[in-house]
C-alpha atoms as a PDB file:
ATOM      1  CA  MET A   1      10.487  50.781  -9.249  1.00  0.00           C
ATOM      2  CA  GLY A   2      12.531  47.600  -8.858  1.00  0.00           C
ATOM      3  CA  SER A   3      14.596  48.752  -5.857  1.00  0.00           C
ATOM      4  CA  GLU A   4      11.697  49.493  -3.503  1.00  0.00           C
ATOM      5  CA  LEU A   5      11.947  47.867  -0.089  1.00  0.00           C
ATOM      6  CA  GLN A   6       8.984  45.979   1.218  1.00  0.00           C
ATOM      7  CA  PRO A   7       8.456  45.668   4.982  1.00  0.00           C
ATOM      8  CA  GLY A   8       9.423  42.195   6.229  1.00  0.00           C
ATOM      9  CA  ARG A   9      10.855  41.182   2.860  1.00  0.00           C
ATOM     10  CA  SER A  10      14.539  41.521   3.816  1.00  0.00           C
ATOM     11  CA  HIS A  11      13.896  39.709   7.119  1.00  0.00           C
ATOM     12  CA  SER A  12      12.395  36.662   5.392  1.00  0.00           C
ATOM     13  CA  SER A  13      15.128  36.500   2.761  1.00  0.00           C
ATOM     14  CA  GLY A  14      17.730  36.766   5.553  1.00  0.00           C
ATOM     15  CA  LEU A  15      16.072  33.864   7.349  1.00  0.00           C
ATOM     16  CA  VAL A  16      16.079  31.830   4.139  1.00  0.00           C
ATOM     17  CA  ASP A  17      19.787  32.563   3.680  1.00  0.00           C
ATOM     18  CA  VAL A  18      20.568  31.489   7.243  1.00  0.00           C
ATOM     19  CA  LEU A  19      18.499  28.323   6.895  1.00  0.00           C
ATOM     20  CA  ASP A  20      20.158  27.525   3.566  1.00  0.00           C
ATOM     21  CA  ARG A  21      23.616  27.965   5.113  1.00  0.00           C
ATOM     22  CA  VAL A  22      22.729  25.818   8.150  1.00  0.00           C
ATOM     23  CA  LEU A  23      21.382  23.003   5.977  1.00  0.00           C
ATOM     24  CA  ASP A  24      24.365  23.214   3.628  1.00  0.00           C
ATOM     25  CA  LYS A  25      27.115  23.367   6.251  1.00  0.00           C
ATOM     26  CA  GLY A  26      25.356  21.731   9.180  1.00  0.00           C
ATOM     27  CA  LEU A  27      24.791  22.782  12.763  1.00  0.00           C
ATOM     28  CA  VAL A  28      25.654  20.745  15.841  1.00  0.00           C
ATOM     29  CA  ILE A  29      24.195  21.436  19.259  1.00  0.00           C
ATOM     30  CA  ALA A  30      25.579  19.438  22.165  1.00  0.00           C
ATOM     31  CA  GLY A  31      24.745  19.586  25.807  1.00  0.00           C
ATOM     32  CA  ASP A  32      24.337  17.656  29.021  1.00  0.00           C
ATOM     33  CA  ILE A  33      21.471  17.756  31.475  1.00  0.00           C
ATOM     34  CA  LYS A  34      22.344  16.629  34.978  1.00  0.00           C
ATOM     35  CA  VAL A  35      19.806  16.020  37.709  1.00  0.00           C
ATOM     36  CA  SER A  36      21.246  16.059  41.199  1.00  0.00           C
ATOM     37  CA  LEU A  37      19.795  15.883  44.658  1.00  0.00           C
ATOM     38  CA  ALA A  38      21.908  16.980  47.646  1.00  0.00           C
ATOM     39  CA  GLU A  39      24.966  17.042  45.409  1.00  0.00           C
ATOM     40  CA  VAL A  40      24.371  13.421  44.364  1.00  0.00           C
ATOM     41  CA  GLU A  41      24.029  13.039  40.630  1.00  0.00           C
ATOM     42  CA  LEU A  42      20.904  11.018  39.901  1.00  0.00           C
ATOM     43  CA  LEU A  43      20.648  11.324  36.159  1.00  0.00           C
ATOM     44  CA  THR A  44      22.708  12.565  33.244  1.00  0.00           C
ATOM     45  CA  ILE A  45      21.210  13.030  29.816  1.00  0.00           C
ATOM     46  CA  ARG A  46      23.560  13.747  26.936  1.00  0.00           C
ATOM     47  CA  ILE A  47      21.952  15.558  24.063  1.00  0.00           C
ATOM     48  CA  ARG A  48      23.547  15.730  20.628  1.00  0.00           C
ATOM     49  CA  LEU A  49      21.575  17.394  17.870  1.00  0.00           C
ATOM     50  CA  MET A  50      22.754  17.815  14.314  1.00  0.00           C
ATOM     51  CA  ILE A  51      20.809  19.806  11.775  1.00  0.00           C
ATOM     52  CA  CYS A  52      21.755  19.545   8.113  1.00  0.00           C
ATOM     53  CA  SER A  53      20.358  18.583   4.738  1.00  0.00           C
ATOM     54  CA  ILE A  54      20.004  14.944   3.746  1.00  0.00           C
ATOM     55  CA  ASP A  55      22.655  15.444   1.072  1.00  0.00           C
ATOM     56  CA  LYS A  56      25.114  16.778   3.645  1.00  0.00           C
ATOM     57  CA  ALA A  57      24.324  13.947   6.073  1.00  0.00           C
ATOM     58  CA  GLU A  58      24.974  11.336   3.379  1.00  0.00           C
ATOM     59  CA  GLU A  59      28.167  13.151   2.394  1.00  0.00           C
ATOM     60  CA  ILE A  60      29.538  12.763   5.926  1.00  0.00           C
ATOM     61  CA  GLY A  61      28.367   9.155   6.212  1.00  0.00           C
ATOM     62  CA  LEU A  62      25.129   9.521   8.155  1.00  0.00           C
ATOM     63  CA  ASP A  63      22.410   7.521   6.416  1.00  0.00           C
ATOM     64  CA  TRP A  64      20.993   5.449   9.253  1.00  0.00           C
ATOM     65  CA  TRP A  65      17.408   6.481   8.454  1.00  0.00           C
ATOM     66  CA  LYS A  66      17.548   4.397   5.266  1.00  0.00           C
ATOM     67  CA  TYR A  67      17.875   1.201   7.291  1.00  0.00           C
ATOM     68  CA  ASP A  68      15.770   2.013  10.348  1.00  0.00           C
ATOM     69  CA  ARG A  69      12.590  -0.072  10.111  1.00  0.00           C
ATOM     70  CA  HIS A  70      10.748   2.395  12.334  1.00  0.00           C
ATOM     71  CA  LEU A  71      11.430   5.248   9.933  1.00  0.00           C
ATOM     72  CA  SER A  72      10.998   3.203   6.759  1.00  0.00           C
ATOM     73  CA  PRO A  73       8.335   0.622   7.612  1.00  0.00           C
ATOM     74  CA  GLY A  74       7.506   0.089   3.943  1.00  0.00           C
ATOM     75  CA  ARG A  75      10.995  -1.245   3.194  1.00  0.00           C
ATOM     76  CA  GLU A  76      10.270  -4.727   4.590  1.00  0.00           C
ATOM     77  CA  GLN A  77       6.971  -4.830   2.738  1.00  0.00           C
ATOM     78  CA  VAL A  78       8.650  -3.840  -0.531  1.00  0.00           C
ATOM     79  CA  MET A  79      11.281  -6.533  -0.065  1.00  0.00           C
ATOM     80  CA  GLN A  80       8.585  -9.154   0.600  1.00  0.00           C
ATOM     81  CA  GLU A  81       6.620  -8.062  -2.486  1.00  0.00           C
ATOM     82  CA  ASN A  82       9.831  -8.233  -4.505  1.00  0.00           C
ATOM     83  CA  LEU A  83      10.402 -11.857  -3.413  1.00  0.00           C
ATOM     84  CA  GLU A  84       6.788 -12.758  -4.222  1.00  0.00           C
ATOM     85  CA  LEU A  85       7.028 -11.164  -7.674  1.00  0.00           C
ATOM     86  CA  ARG A  86      10.267 -13.019  -8.405  1.00  0.00           C
ATOM     87  CA  GLU A  87       8.582 -16.318  -7.505  1.00  0.00           C
ATOM     88  CA  GLN A  88       5.593 -15.498  -9.726  1.00  0.00           C
ATOM     89  CA  LEU A  89       8.003 -14.717 -12.555  1.00  0.00           C
ATOM     90  CA  ARG A  90       9.741 -18.104 -12.121  1.00  0.00           C
ATOM     91  CA  VAL A  91       6.377 -19.898 -12.221  1.00  0.00           C
ATOM     92  CA  MET A  92       5.372 -18.037 -15.389  1.00  0.00           C
ATOM     93  CA  GLU A  93       8.732 -18.793 -17.043  1.00  0.00           C
ATOM     94  CA  ARG A  94       8.283 -22.512 -16.278  1.00  0.00           C
ATOM     95  CA  ARG A  95       4.751 -22.484 -17.698  1.00  0.00           C
ATOM     96  CA  LEU A  96       5.971 -20.686 -20.814  1.00  0.00           C
ATOM     97  CA  ALA A  97       8.726 -23.250 -21.277  1.00  0.00           C
ATOM     98  CA  VAL A  98       6.200 -26.101 -20.990  1.00  0.00           C
ATOM     99  CA  LEU A  99       3.831 -24.422 -23.461  1.00  0.00           C
ATOM    100  CA  THR A 100       6.679 -23.726 -25.885  1.00  0.00           C
ATOM    101  CA  ARG A 101       7.783 -27.383 -25.782  1.00  0.00           C
ATOM    102  CA  ALA A 102       4.197 -28.575 -26.203  1.00  0.00           C
ATOM    103  CA  SER A 103       3.565 -26.310 -29.212  1.00  0.00           C
ATOM    104  CA  GLY A 104       6.884 -27.433 -30.729  1.00  0.00           C
ATOM    105  CA  ARG A 105       5.772 -31.079 -30.533  1.00  0.00           C
ATOM    106  CA  ARG A 106       2.449 -30.286 -32.184  1.00  0.00           C
ATOM    107  CA  SER A 107       4.100 -28.410 -35.058  1.00  0.00           C
ATOM    108  CA  ARG A 108       6.429 -31.351 -35.737  1.00  0.00           C
ATOM    109  CA  ALA A 109       3.583 -33.863 -35.894  1.00  0.00           C
ATOM    110  CA  PRO A 110       2.632 -34.803 -39.472  1.00  0.00           C
ATOM    111  CA  ARG A 111      -0.471 -33.044 -40.716  1.00  0.00           C
ATOM    112  CA  SER A 112      -3.285 -34.930 -42.232  1.00  0.00           C
ATOM    113  CA  ASP A 113      -4.945 -33.768 -45.430  1.00  0.00           C
ATOM    114  CA  LYS A 114      -8.207 -33.250 -43.589  1.00  0.00           C
ATOM    115  CA  ASP A 115      -6.857 -30.288 -41.550  1.00  0.00           C
END
């Protein structure tokens, strides 16, 4: 019962295998498009396309998307929030230090018998 073939099943697993191999190893497609008029070249477009997994791209030193503000617009916002939180923390630490000093002075003051 376990070795029955299902229509389309081997095709989809083959596609998954091919896709897995392409993402693991990488695939580069390169080409040029030239637009000419009367044998005069007007425009050349060079196309370079690389398809691979993020892990593979990082392994070969391609990680530009991490620093591209158009692809990671939240990065600047996170950095700004981080700076604001650090400043709030400094303010709170100063207030705590003042309160700690003030409570230390009160505890050193002599107590009266009425308290």
